[in-house]
Amino acid sequence: MSLRVDEQIERADGRVELREDVVLDDPALFNEDLAPTQIAKRTWSTYTYAALWISMAHCIPTYMLASGLISAGMNWWQALLTILVGNTIVLLPILANSHPGTKYGIPFPVFARASYGVFGANIPAVMRALVACGWFGINCWIGGLALQTFFKSLWSGWPALLGPMTDPASSWAFGGHYPTEWISFALFWGLNILIVFRGMDIVRRFENIAAPYVLVMTALLVAWAIWRAHGLGAVMRDDGKFHTFGEFWPVFVPSVTAMIGFWSTLSLNMPDFTRFGRSQKEQAVGQVVALPTTMTVFALMGIVITSASAEIYGKPIWDPVELVGMFPSRILVAVSMFTVVVATLGVNIAANVVSPANDFANLKPGKISFKTGGLITGIVGAMMLPWKLIADPNGYIFKWLLGYSGGLGSIAGVLVADYWFVRRKRLRLGDLYRRKGVYDYGGAGFNGAAIGATLFGCALAWVGLVVKPLAVLYDYAWFVGAGGAGALYAVLMLPERARQMNDADVTSSKL
């Protein structure tokens, strides 16, 4: 088999692209949305990546993240420490999987073909896509509530326009909501899909504008809350339930794992964004500067505002949409709800549409485009009943986030081990789009080692749910999944690593 090393060009800065005369036309593996990004079109700067993360972190789930931790017994600084530690740890796999995107200009599902096989990559892609669909639905529901509050500020009779709130007991899935809430949800859902249909350049422009706008508006809300409450409020004075390390640690560990789960989705699919990067340095610096700091600062803003709300309204109000709805000024409500809509759109499009759109397109590139993949994401996300996923803060953190972190951690372990240990950052770009290339793994296009390692990691991470003596493994779900899958994959692929090193030595001797 020809090595085809002459079909790709490596620039002085390490970035790689295919020669112009290389033809990739297999509809089962290629379309223009999945094609390697040409170096001339890789224009995203440090600010772009910083703005991307700031925009994604400035969302209602981040604002409310501390609520579940504080309700579990933490005080405000323990909750912030947990958020900071979790987001610093998850930055490591994010940066590790960002590198191939910038170097080769490929999105996540194409990158996964190197380790899972050209067709086996659909397994991690669909696993990632389904989680993103759940997040897409959650953020659409939050954005819909913001629109509902906005419409109510314009006309107090809006909520009951189509009838009264339904009895919660009448339907487990849909009870307890006004009919107009579903209209607001549908409108926000449609706005997301409309932007996706405009393409990635619109996404980049929107994120660049949304990031500073949301930060400034939230800072103003913090200042207003402290002024109205004449201080920081009761939540900031609460000592919490954990006064010793022994009391704090059993809650801290699963909470950190859940914080990792919050962005474990992006730890897989950052190549969807870094494929547009001008350099490795710019994408890395932008992410390192923005992710942990923004998550921690925005969560702190949420704590301060909520603590002040307890002084202003007699009870702590963690949901900012509910809080803003209590403002007496219609203009203030309208401006605040517009900010919530912008913030929610920013995170939803970047974090929860771009990746699954590519993932679904990877299933049938000849039939499913990026736009069609985005539409599928929206439909599946609505079908996952997002209003139920986010209804309980404890369930949101300790079931939803903690649970899926084990599965996505297993995939991350395989990807990192394959790219950095087995292949040592060397990929054959054209063969990622060929069914008879080096990533066909015997002809079927499935790498049994990667699939087996992923299943092993998932089993380790989730076994604690059913075997109580092993419950501690579930508390460390992401770590267990990533470590177990990555270690097993590295062992199973030792012969391939040796072959890769031999090929590198042969190529070097010829040069």
Protein backbone atom coordinates (compact mmCIF):
# COMPACT_ATOMS: atom_id res chain seq x y z
CA MET A 1 0.00 0.00 0.00
CA SER A 2 1.36 3.41 -0.94
CA LEU A 3 2.14 5.65 1.98
CA ARG A 4 0.71 8.64 0.06
CA VAL A 5 2.89 10.92 2.22
CA ASP A 6 3.53 13.16 -0.76
CA GLU A 7 -0.15 14.15 -1.04
CA GLN A 8 -0.07 16.31 2.08
CA ILE A 9 1.97 19.45 2.67
CA GLU A 10 3.27 20.40 6.11
CA ARG A 11 3.94 24.10 6.61
CA ALA A 12 6.76 25.53 8.72
CA ASP A 13 4.36 26.12 11.63
CA GLY A 14 3.34 22.44 11.63
CA ARG A 15 -0.08 22.83 10.02
CA VAL A 16 -0.92 20.35 7.28
CA GLU A 17 -3.15 20.47 4.21
CA LEU A 18 -3.70 18.31 1.14
CA ARG A 19 -2.25 19.13 -2.26
CA GLU A 20 -4.76 20.78 -4.59
CA ASP A 21 -4.76 17.84 -7.01
CA VAL A 22 -5.87 15.29 -4.38
CA VAL A 23 -9.39 14.04 -5.09
CA LEU A 24 -11.67 12.92 -2.24
CA ASP A 25 -15.10 11.90 -3.47
CA ASP A 26 -16.42 8.93 -1.48
CA PRO A 27 -19.96 10.01 -0.49
CA ALA A 28 -19.87 7.60 2.47
CA LEU A 29 -16.96 9.53 4.01
CA PHE A 30 -16.75 12.97 2.41
CA ASN A 31 -18.70 16.14 1.89
CA GLU A 32 -17.63 19.78 1.83
CA ASP A 33 -18.63 20.35 5.46
CA LEU A 34 -16.33 17.53 6.66
CA ALA A 35 -13.47 18.35 4.25
CA PRO A 36 -10.11 19.51 5.65
CA THR A 37 -10.08 23.29 6.06
CA GLN A 38 -7.60 24.91 3.72
CA ILE A 39 -4.85 26.83 5.49
CA ALA A 40 -5.91 30.05 3.73
CA LYS A 41 -9.30 29.71 5.42
CA ARG A 42 -7.92 29.08 8.91
CA THR A 43 -8.39 32.60 10.23
CA TRP A 44 -9.56 32.29 13.85
CA SER A 45 -7.39 34.26 16.29
CA THR A 46 -6.70 34.21 20.03
CA TYR A 47 -9.58 36.63 20.56
CA THR A 48 -11.93 34.40 18.56
CA TYR A 49 -11.25 31.42 20.85
CA ALA A 50 -11.38 33.53 24.00
CA ALA A 51 -14.68 35.06 22.86
CA LEU A 52 -15.98 31.61 21.99
CA TRP A 53 -15.38 30.32 25.50
CA ILE A 54 -16.58 33.51 27.18
CA SER A 55 -19.76 33.33 25.15
CA MET A 56 -20.27 29.64 25.91
CA ALA A 57 -19.54 30.06 29.63
CA HIS A 58 -21.88 33.06 30.00
CA CYS A 59 -25.03 30.96 30.03
CA ILE A 60 -27.83 30.21 32.46
CA PRO A 61 -26.60 26.68 33.32
CA THR A 62 -23.23 28.20 34.36
CA TYR A 63 -25.02 30.92 36.34
CA MET A 64 -27.04 28.23 38.15
CA LEU A 65 -24.15 25.76 38.47
CA ALA A 66 -23.33 26.78 42.02
CA SER A 67 -26.95 26.36 43.12
CA GLY A 68 -26.75 22.56 43.08
CA LEU A 69 -23.43 22.63 44.94
CA ILE A 70 -24.69 25.03 47.60
CA SER A 71 -27.93 23.07 47.99
CA ALA A 72 -25.73 19.99 48.59
CA GLY A 73 -24.22 21.79 51.59
CA MET A 74 -21.24 23.75 50.26
CA ASN A 75 -20.65 27.38 51.10
CA TRP A 76 -20.00 29.90 48.33
CA TRP A 77 -16.20 29.61 48.19
CA GLN A 78 -16.28 25.80 48.31
CA ALA A 79 -18.66 25.84 45.35
CA LEU A 80 -16.39 28.21 43.41
CA LEU A 81 -13.30 26.12 44.22
CA THR A 82 -15.09 23.04 42.90
CA ILE A 83 -16.02 24.81 39.67
CA LEU A 84 -12.48 26.16 39.19
CA VAL A 85 -10.81 22.79 39.81
CA GLY A 86 -13.18 20.94 37.49
CA ASN A 87 -12.75 23.40 34.65
CA THR A 88 -8.98 23.48 35.02
CA ILE A 89 -8.81 19.68 34.79
CA VAL A 90 -11.10 19.44 31.76
CA LEU A 91 -8.91 22.00 30.00
CA LEU A 92 -6.23 19.31 29.63
CA PRO A 93 -8.18 16.93 27.32
CA ILE A 94 -9.68 19.95 25.56
CA LEU A 95 -6.20 21.19 24.60
CA ALA A 96 -5.00 17.67 23.78
CA ASN A 97 -7.85 17.12 21.32
CA SER A 98 -7.65 20.68 19.98
CA HIS A 99 -4.19 20.06 18.52
CA PRO A 100 -5.19 17.77 15.60
CA GLY A 101 -7.94 20.18 14.59
CA THR A 102 -5.46 23.01 14.13
CA LYS A 103 -2.73 20.83 12.61
CA TYR A 104 -4.87 19.01 10.05
CA GLY A 105 -7.96 21.24 9.71
CA ILE A 106 -10.36 18.37 10.49
CA PRO A 107 -13.58 18.25 12.55
CA PHE A 108 -14.12 15.86 15.46
CA PRO A 109 -15.83 12.93 13.65
CA VAL A 110 -13.07 12.86 11.03
CA PHE A 111 -10.39 13.00 13.75
CA ALA A 112 -12.10 10.04 15.47
CA ARG A 113 -11.67 7.97 12.30
CA ALA A 114 -7.96 7.59 13.03
CA SER A 115 -8.63 5.66 16.25
CA TYR A 116 -12.07 4.11 15.72
CA GLY A 117 -11.85 3.46 11.97
CA VAL A 118 -13.44 5.38 9.12
CA PHE A 119 -16.87 3.89 9.89
CA GLY A 120 -16.34 3.04 13.56
CA ALA A 121 -16.01 6.78 14.26
CA ASN A 122 -19.79 6.97 14.05
CA ILE A 123 -19.98 5.33 17.50
CA PRO A 124 -18.27 8.13 19.46
CA ALA A 125 -19.81 10.72 17.13
CA VAL A 126 -23.37 9.58 17.90
CA MET A 127 -22.61 9.27 21.64
CA ARG A 128 -21.36 12.86 21.61
CA ALA A 129 -24.24 14.04 19.44
CA LEU A 130 -26.93 12.64 21.74
CA VAL A 131 -25.47 14.47 24.74
CA ALA A 132 -25.33 17.67 22.69
CA CYS A 133 -28.98 17.18 21.72
CA GLY A 134 -29.88 17.06 25.41
CA TRP A 135 -27.95 20.27 26.05
CA PHE A 136 -29.49 21.91 22.99
CA GLY A 137 -32.94 21.16 24.35
CA ILE A 138 -32.05 22.46 27.84
CA ASN A 139 -30.80 25.77 26.48
CA CYS A 140 -33.75 26.12 24.12
CA TRP A 141 -36.07 25.67 27.08
CA ILE A 142 -34.17 28.32 29.06
CA GLY A 143 -34.24 30.68 26.08
CA GLY A 144 -37.95 30.00 25.64
CA LEU A 145 -38.59 30.94 29.26
CA ALA A 146 -36.70 34.19 28.66
CA LEU A 147 -38.94 34.96 25.70
CA GLN A 148 -41.99 34.04 27.80
CA THR A 149 -40.93 36.54 30.45
CA PHE A 150 -40.21 39.15 27.78
CA PHE A 151 -43.68 38.76 26.24
CA LYS A 152 -45.24 38.93 29.71
CA SER A 153 -43.43 42.23 30.34
CA LEU A 154 -45.04 43.62 27.19
CA TRP A 155 -48.50 42.24 27.99
CA SER A 156 -49.41 40.81 31.37
CA GLY A 157 -52.11 38.65 29.83
CA TRP A 158 -49.70 36.78 27.54
CA PRO A 159 -49.17 33.64 29.70
CA ALA A 160 -52.87 32.74 29.84
CA LEU A 161 -53.64 33.82 26.27
CA LEU A 162 -54.21 30.25 25.09
CA GLY A 163 -55.52 28.90 28.36
CA PRO A 164 -54.51 28.38 32.01
CA MET A 165 -51.54 26.41 33.25
CA THR A 166 -52.13 22.69 32.92
CA ASP A 167 -52.34 20.47 36.00
CA PRO A 168 -48.91 18.90 36.70
CA ALA A 169 -50.68 15.64 37.51
CA SER A 170 -52.43 15.57 34.14
CA SER A 171 -49.26 14.66 32.24
CA TRP A 172 -45.83 13.68 33.57
CA ALA A 173 -44.14 14.94 30.41
CA PHE A 174 -46.05 18.15 29.66
CA GLY A 175 -48.09 19.09 32.74
CA GLY A 176 -47.51 22.24 34.79
CA HIS A 177 -46.95 24.69 31.93
CA TYR A 178 -48.90 27.41 30.15
CA PRO A 179 -49.70 26.67 26.48
CA THR A 180 -47.89 29.88 25.54
CA GLU A 181 -44.68 28.49 27.06
CA TRP A 182 -44.57 25.98 24.22
CA ILE A 183 -44.91 28.80 21.68
CA SER A 184 -42.00 30.69 23.29
CA PHE A 185 -39.96 27.48 23.29
CA ALA A 186 -40.72 26.89 19.60
CA LEU A 187 -39.77 30.47 18.68
CA PHE A 188 -36.40 30.25 20.40
CA TRP A 189 -35.81 26.79 18.90
CA GLY A 190 -36.47 28.20 15.44
CA LEU A 191 -34.09 31.13 16.01
CA ASN A 192 -31.28 28.67 16.77
CA ILE A 193 -31.95 26.68 13.62
CA LEU A 194 -32.11 29.85 11.51
CA ILE A 195 -28.62 30.93 12.61
CA VAL A 196 -27.22 27.43 12.00
CA PHE A 197 -28.55 27.53 8.45
CA ARG A 198 -26.48 30.69 7.85
CA GLY A 199 -23.19 28.79 8.41
CA MET A 200 -20.03 28.88 10.57
CA ASP A 201 -19.01 32.43 9.65
CA ILE A 202 -22.21 33.79 11.19
CA VAL A 203 -21.51 31.68 14.28
CA ARG A 204 -18.04 33.25 14.63
CA ARG A 205 -19.38 36.80 14.23
CA PHE A 206 -22.19 36.20 16.70
CA GLU A 207 -19.82 34.79 19.36
CA ASN A 208 -17.44 37.75 18.99
CA ILE A 209 -20.27 40.19 19.69
CA ALA A 210 -22.15 38.18 22.33
CA ALA A 211 -19.17 37.60 24.64
CA PRO A 212 -18.46 41.19 25.77
CA TYR A 213 -22.14 42.20 25.68
CA VAL A 214 -23.29 39.49 28.10
CA LEU A 215 -20.32 40.09 30.43
CA VAL A 216 -21.04 43.82 30.71
CA MET A 217 -24.79 43.34 31.24
CA THR A 218 -24.26 40.71 33.94
CA ALA A 219 -21.73 42.95 35.72
CA LEU A 220 -24.35 45.72 35.76
CA LEU A 221 -26.86 43.28 37.27
CA VAL A 222 -24.33 42.39 39.99
CA ALA A 223 -23.84 46.08 40.83
CA TRP A 224 -27.60 46.64 40.97
CA ALA A 225 -28.15 43.63 43.24
CA ILE A 226 -25.46 44.67 45.73
CA TRP A 227 -26.83 48.24 45.77
CA ARG A 228 -30.42 47.12 46.36
CA ALA A 229 -29.43 44.57 49.03
CA HIS A 230 -27.06 46.99 50.78
CA GLY A 231 -24.40 44.29 50.75
CA LEU A 232 -23.70 40.75 49.59
CA GLY A 233 -26.57 38.98 51.31
CA ALA A 234 -27.15 35.83 53.35
CA VAL A 235 -25.84 33.20 50.90
CA MET A 236 -22.39 34.80 50.98
CA ARG A 237 -22.43 34.70 54.81
CA ASP A 238 -23.56 31.06 55.08
CA ASP A 239 -20.80 28.73 56.36
CA GLY A 240 -22.30 25.64 54.73
CA LYS A 241 -22.53 22.14 56.21
CA PHE A 242 -18.94 20.99 55.63
CA HIS A 243 -16.49 22.29 58.20
CA THR A 244 -13.74 19.67 57.93
CA PHE A 245 -11.86 18.10 55.04
CA GLY A 246 -13.38 14.71 55.87
CA GLU A 247 -16.90 16.13 55.56
CA PHE A 248 -16.15 18.07 52.38
CA TRP A 249 -14.23 15.46 50.35
CA PRO A 250 -17.06 12.91 49.75
CA VAL A 251 -19.16 15.66 48.14
CA PHE A 252 -16.25 17.45 46.49
CA VAL A 253 -15.12 14.47 44.37
CA PRO A 254 -18.40 13.70 42.55
CA SER A 255 -19.00 17.44 42.23
CA VAL A 256 -15.64 17.99 40.50
CA THR A 257 -16.43 15.06 38.23
CA ALA A 258 -19.76 16.70 37.39
CA MET A 259 -17.99 19.99 36.65
CA ILE A 260 -15.72 18.10 34.24
CA GLY A 261 -18.85 16.58 32.75
CA PHE A 262 -20.17 20.10 32.08
CA TRP A 263 -17.55 20.60 29.33
CA SER A 264 -16.53 16.98 28.67
CA THR A 265 -18.54 17.34 25.47
CA LEU A 266 -16.19 20.06 24.21
CA SER A 267 -13.17 18.01 25.30
CA LEU A 268 -14.06 15.75 22.39
CA ASN A 269 -15.21 18.06 19.66
CA MET A 270 -12.96 21.13 19.96
CA PRO A 271 -11.44 20.16 16.57
CA ASP A 272 -14.76 21.39 15.14
CA PHE A 273 -13.52 24.89 16.06
CA THR A 274 -9.73 24.62 16.16
CA ARG A 275 -9.74 23.45 12.52
CA PHE A 276 -10.14 27.17 11.74
CA GLY A 277 -7.21 28.29 13.94
CA ARG A 278 -4.34 30.41 12.61
CA SER A 279 -1.84 28.65 14.87
CA GLN A 280 -1.55 26.22 17.77
CA LYS A 281 -0.43 29.04 20.05
CA GLU A 282 -3.42 31.25 19.32
CA GLN A 283 -6.04 28.58 19.89
CA ALA A 284 -4.32 27.32 23.06
CA VAL A 285 -3.79 30.75 24.64
CA GLY A 286 -7.36 31.80 23.88
CA GLN A 287 -8.75 28.72 25.59
CA VAL A 288 -6.42 28.71 28.60
CA VAL A 289 -7.14 32.36 29.34
CA ALA A 290 -10.90 32.19 28.93
CA LEU A 291 -12.32 28.84 30.07
CA PRO A 292 -11.52 28.36 33.79
CA THR A 293 -11.57 32.06 34.61
CA THR A 294 -14.87 32.81 32.88
CA MET A 295 -16.66 29.79 34.34
CA THR A 296 -15.54 30.72 37.86
CA VAL A 297 -16.23 34.45 37.56
CA PHE A 298 -19.66 33.98 35.99
CA ALA A 299 -20.63 31.43 38.64
CA LEU A 300 -19.48 33.96 41.28
CA MET A 301 -21.72 36.57 39.66
CA GLY A 302 -24.62 34.14 39.95
CA ILE A 303 -23.89 33.54 43.64
CA VAL A 304 -23.63 37.26 44.43
CA ILE A 305 -26.85 38.13 42.59
CA THR A 306 -28.72 35.23 44.20
CA SER A 307 -27.43 36.10 47.65
CA ALA A 308 -28.56 39.69 47.20
CA SER A 309 -31.95 38.53 45.93
CA ALA A 310 -32.57 36.87 49.30
CA GLU A 311 -32.32 40.30 50.94
CA ILE A 312 -34.38 42.06 48.27
CA TYR A 313 -37.22 39.56 47.81
CA GLY A 314 -37.07 37.52 51.01
CA LYS A 315 -35.77 34.31 49.40
CA PRO A 316 -32.77 33.34 47.23
CA ILE A 317 -33.75 33.19 43.55
CA TRP A 318 -31.25 31.12 41.58
CA ASP A 319 -33.06 31.26 38.26
CA PRO A 320 -32.15 34.60 36.63
CA VAL A 321 -35.17 34.44 34.35
CA GLU A 322 -37.46 34.23 37.38
CA LEU A 323 -35.49 37.00 39.11
CA VAL A 324 -35.66 39.39 36.17
CA GLY A 325 -39.37 38.70 35.82
CA MET A 326 -39.85 40.29 39.26
CA PHE A 327 -38.39 43.64 38.17
CA PRO A 328 -41.06 46.39 38.15
CA SER A 329 -39.74 48.15 35.04
CA ARG A 330 -40.84 46.71 31.69
CA ILE A 331 -37.87 48.29 29.95
CA LEU A 332 -35.46 46.69 32.43
CA VAL A 333 -37.15 43.30 31.97
CA ALA A 334 -36.98 43.64 28.18
CA VAL A 335 -33.26 44.52 28.18
CA SER A 336 -32.47 41.76 30.67
CA MET A 337 -34.39 39.15 28.71
CA PHE A 338 -32.64 40.20 25.52
CA THR A 339 -29.35 39.58 27.33
CA VAL A 340 -30.51 36.12 28.40
CA VAL A 341 -31.55 35.33 24.82
CA VAL A 342 -28.15 36.44 23.45
CA ALA A 343 -26.28 34.46 26.12
CA THR A 344 -28.31 31.32 25.53
CA LEU A 345 -28.01 31.56 21.77
CA GLY A 346 -24.24 31.95 22.10
CA VAL A 347 -23.69 28.77 24.07
CA ASN A 348 -26.35 26.74 22.30
CA ILE A 349 -25.13 27.30 18.77
CA ALA A 350 -21.43 26.90 19.53
CA ALA A 351 -21.53 24.08 22.07
CA ASN A 352 -24.65 22.16 21.13
CA VAL A 353 -25.26 22.51 17.41
CA VAL A 354 -21.93 22.70 15.58
CA SER A 355 -20.66 19.36 16.87
CA PRO A 356 -23.79 17.20 16.52
CA ALA A 357 -24.43 18.74 13.09
CA ASN A 358 -21.02 17.42 12.01
CA ASP A 359 -21.58 14.17 13.90
CA PHE A 360 -24.88 13.44 12.17
CA ALA A 361 -23.38 14.48 8.82
CA ASN A 362 -20.64 11.91 9.43
CA LEU A 363 -23.27 9.13 9.39
CA LYS A 364 -24.13 9.77 5.73
CA PRO A 365 -21.96 12.58 4.34
CA GLY A 366 -23.45 12.18 0.87
CA LYS A 367 -26.98 12.63 2.22
CA ILE A 368 -26.67 14.73 5.40
CA SER A 369 -25.15 18.21 5.24
CA PHE A 370 -24.13 20.39 8.18
CA LYS A 371 -27.46 22.21 7.96
CA THR A 372 -29.47 18.98 7.91
CA GLY A 373 -27.43 17.71 10.86
CA GLY A 374 -28.31 20.88 12.76
CA LEU A 375 -32.00 20.32 12.07
CA ILE A 376 -31.75 16.73 13.33
CA THR A 377 -30.09 18.04 16.49
CA GLY A 378 -32.98 20.41 17.11
CA ILE A 379 -35.63 17.74 16.66
CA VAL A 380 -33.91 15.16 18.86
CA GLY A 381 -33.18 17.81 21.51
CA ALA A 382 -36.85 18.72 21.81
CA MET A 383 -37.81 15.04 22.04
CA MET A 384 -35.53 14.57 25.08
CA LEU A 385 -37.89 16.60 27.33
CA PRO A 386 -35.30 19.21 28.41
CA TRP A 387 -37.68 20.83 30.92
CA LYS A 388 -37.43 17.57 32.88
CA LEU A 389 -33.63 17.35 32.67
CA ILE A 390 -33.11 20.73 34.31
CA ALA A 391 -36.06 20.73 36.72
CA ASP A 392 -34.06 19.37 39.68
CA PRO A 393 -30.66 21.02 40.41
CA ASN A 394 -29.40 17.95 42.27
CA GLY A 395 -30.48 15.61 39.50
CA TYR A 396 -28.98 17.98 36.94
CA ILE A 397 -25.53 17.77 38.54
CA PHE A 398 -25.38 14.33 40.11
CA LYS A 399 -27.34 12.35 37.50
CA TRP A 400 -27.22 14.12 34.14
CA LEU A 401 -23.71 15.67 34.27
CA LEU A 402 -22.03 12.97 36.34
CA GLY A 403 -23.59 10.10 34.39
CA TYR A 404 -22.63 11.05 30.87
CA SER A 405 -19.16 12.24 31.91
CA GLY A 406 -18.10 8.59 32.26
CA GLY A 407 -19.07 7.74 28.69
CA LEU A 408 -17.50 10.81 27.14
CA GLY A 409 -14.41 10.39 29.32
CA SER A 410 -13.95 6.92 27.83
CA ILE A 411 -13.97 8.36 24.32
CA ALA A 412 -11.55 11.12 25.33
CA GLY A 413 -9.16 8.52 26.75
CA VAL A 414 -9.06 6.63 23.45
CA LEU A 415 -8.62 9.78 21.33
CA VAL A 416 -5.78 11.15 23.45
CA ALA A 417 -3.98 7.80 23.68
CA ASP A 418 -4.25 7.26 19.93
CA TYR A 419 -3.10 10.69 18.78
CA TRP A 420 -0.39 11.40 21.35
CA PHE A 421 0.90 7.91 22.26
CA VAL A 422 0.18 5.55 19.36
CA ARG A 423 0.53 7.90 16.38
CA ARG A 424 2.61 10.63 18.02
CA LYS A 425 0.65 13.39 16.24
CA ARG A 426 1.14 11.92 12.74
CA LEU A 427 -1.98 11.33 10.63
CA ARG A 428 -2.42 10.54 6.95
CA LEU A 429 -4.94 13.19 6.10
CA GLY A 430 -6.28 11.81 2.84
CA ASP A 431 -6.79 8.31 4.25
CA LEU A 432 -9.23 9.69 6.82
CA TYR A 433 -11.63 10.03 3.87
CA ARG A 434 -10.92 6.66 2.17
CA ARG A 435 -12.50 3.32 2.94
CA LYS A 436 -9.35 1.53 1.67
CA GLY A 437 -6.73 3.57 3.49
CA VAL A 438 -4.68 2.94 6.61
CA TYR A 439 -7.71 3.53 8.84
CA ASP A 440 -9.87 0.75 7.39
CA TYR A 441 -8.58 -1.69 10.06
CA GLY A 442 -8.82 -4.86 8.03
CA GLY A 443 -11.35 -3.61 5.52
CA ALA A 444 -14.49 -3.11 7.63
CA GLY A 445 -13.54 0.36 8.85
CA PHE A 446 -13.99 -0.50 12.55
CA ASN A 447 -11.16 -0.66 15.09
CA GLY A 448 -12.11 -3.31 17.63
CA ALA A 449 -9.45 -2.09 20.05
CA ALA A 450 -10.99 1.39 20.26
CA ILE A 451 -14.55 0.11 20.57
CA GLY A 452 -13.58 -2.49 23.18
CA ALA A 453 -11.59 0.05 25.19
CA THR A 454 -14.52 2.48 25.13
CA LEU A 455 -16.93 -0.19 26.36
CA PHE A 456 -14.46 -1.14 29.08
CA GLY A 457 -14.15 2.48 30.21
CA CYS A 458 -17.92 2.94 30.26
CA ALA A 459 -18.38 -0.27 32.27
CA LEU A 460 -15.80 0.86 34.82
CA ALA A 461 -17.38 4.30 35.13
CA TRP A 462 -20.95 3.08 35.46
CA VAL A 463 -20.60 -0.18 37.39
CA GLY A 464 -20.98 1.73 40.66
CA LEU A 465 -24.59 2.46 39.77
CA VAL A 466 -25.55 -1.20 40.17
CA VAL A 467 -22.77 -2.59 42.39
CA LYS A 468 -22.94 -0.53 45.55
CA PRO A 469 -19.50 -1.50 46.96
CA LEU A 470 -18.04 0.02 43.77
CA ALA A 471 -20.05 3.25 44.01
CA VAL A 472 -16.81 5.20 44.43
CA LEU A 473 -15.98 4.46 40.78
CA TYR A 474 -19.13 6.32 39.72
CA ASP A 475 -18.09 9.30 41.84
CA TYR A 476 -14.92 9.43 39.72
CA ALA A 477 -16.81 8.55 36.52
CA TRP A 478 -14.90 10.77 34.08
CA PHE A 479 -11.49 9.90 35.53
CA VAL A 480 -12.27 6.18 35.64
CA GLY A 481 -13.69 6.15 32.11
CA ALA A 482 -10.84 8.16 30.58
CA GLY A 483 -8.08 6.36 32.47
CA GLY A 484 -9.45 2.86 31.97
CA ALA A 485 -10.24 3.26 28.27
CA GLY A 486 -7.03 5.13 27.48
CA ALA A 487 -4.77 2.64 29.27
CA LEU A 488 -6.40 -0.43 27.69
CA TYR A 489 -6.33 1.13 24.23
CA ALA A 490 -2.64 2.02 24.58
CA VAL A 491 -1.81 -1.58 25.48
CA LEU A 492 -3.91 -3.08 22.69
CA MET A 493 -2.33 -0.74 20.13
CA LEU A 494 1.32 -1.31 21.11
CA PRO A 495 1.99 -3.24 17.85
CA GLU A 496 0.58 -0.32 15.84
CA ARG A 497 2.73 2.13 17.79
CA ALA A 498 5.80 0.06 16.98
CA ARG A 499 4.81 0.03 13.29
CA GLN A 500 4.29 3.79 13.33
CA MET A 501 7.74 4.31 14.83
CA ASN A 502 9.28 1.99 12.23
CA ASP A 503 7.56 3.87 9.37
CA ALA A 504 8.83 7.15 10.79
CA ASP A 505 12.38 5.80 10.91
CA VAL A 506 12.13 4.57 7.29
CA THR A 507 10.78 7.92 6.11
CA SER A 508 13.54 9.80 7.96
CA SER A 509 16.25 7.61 6.43
CA LYS A 510 14.90 8.27 2.93
CA LEU A 511 14.97 11.97 3.57
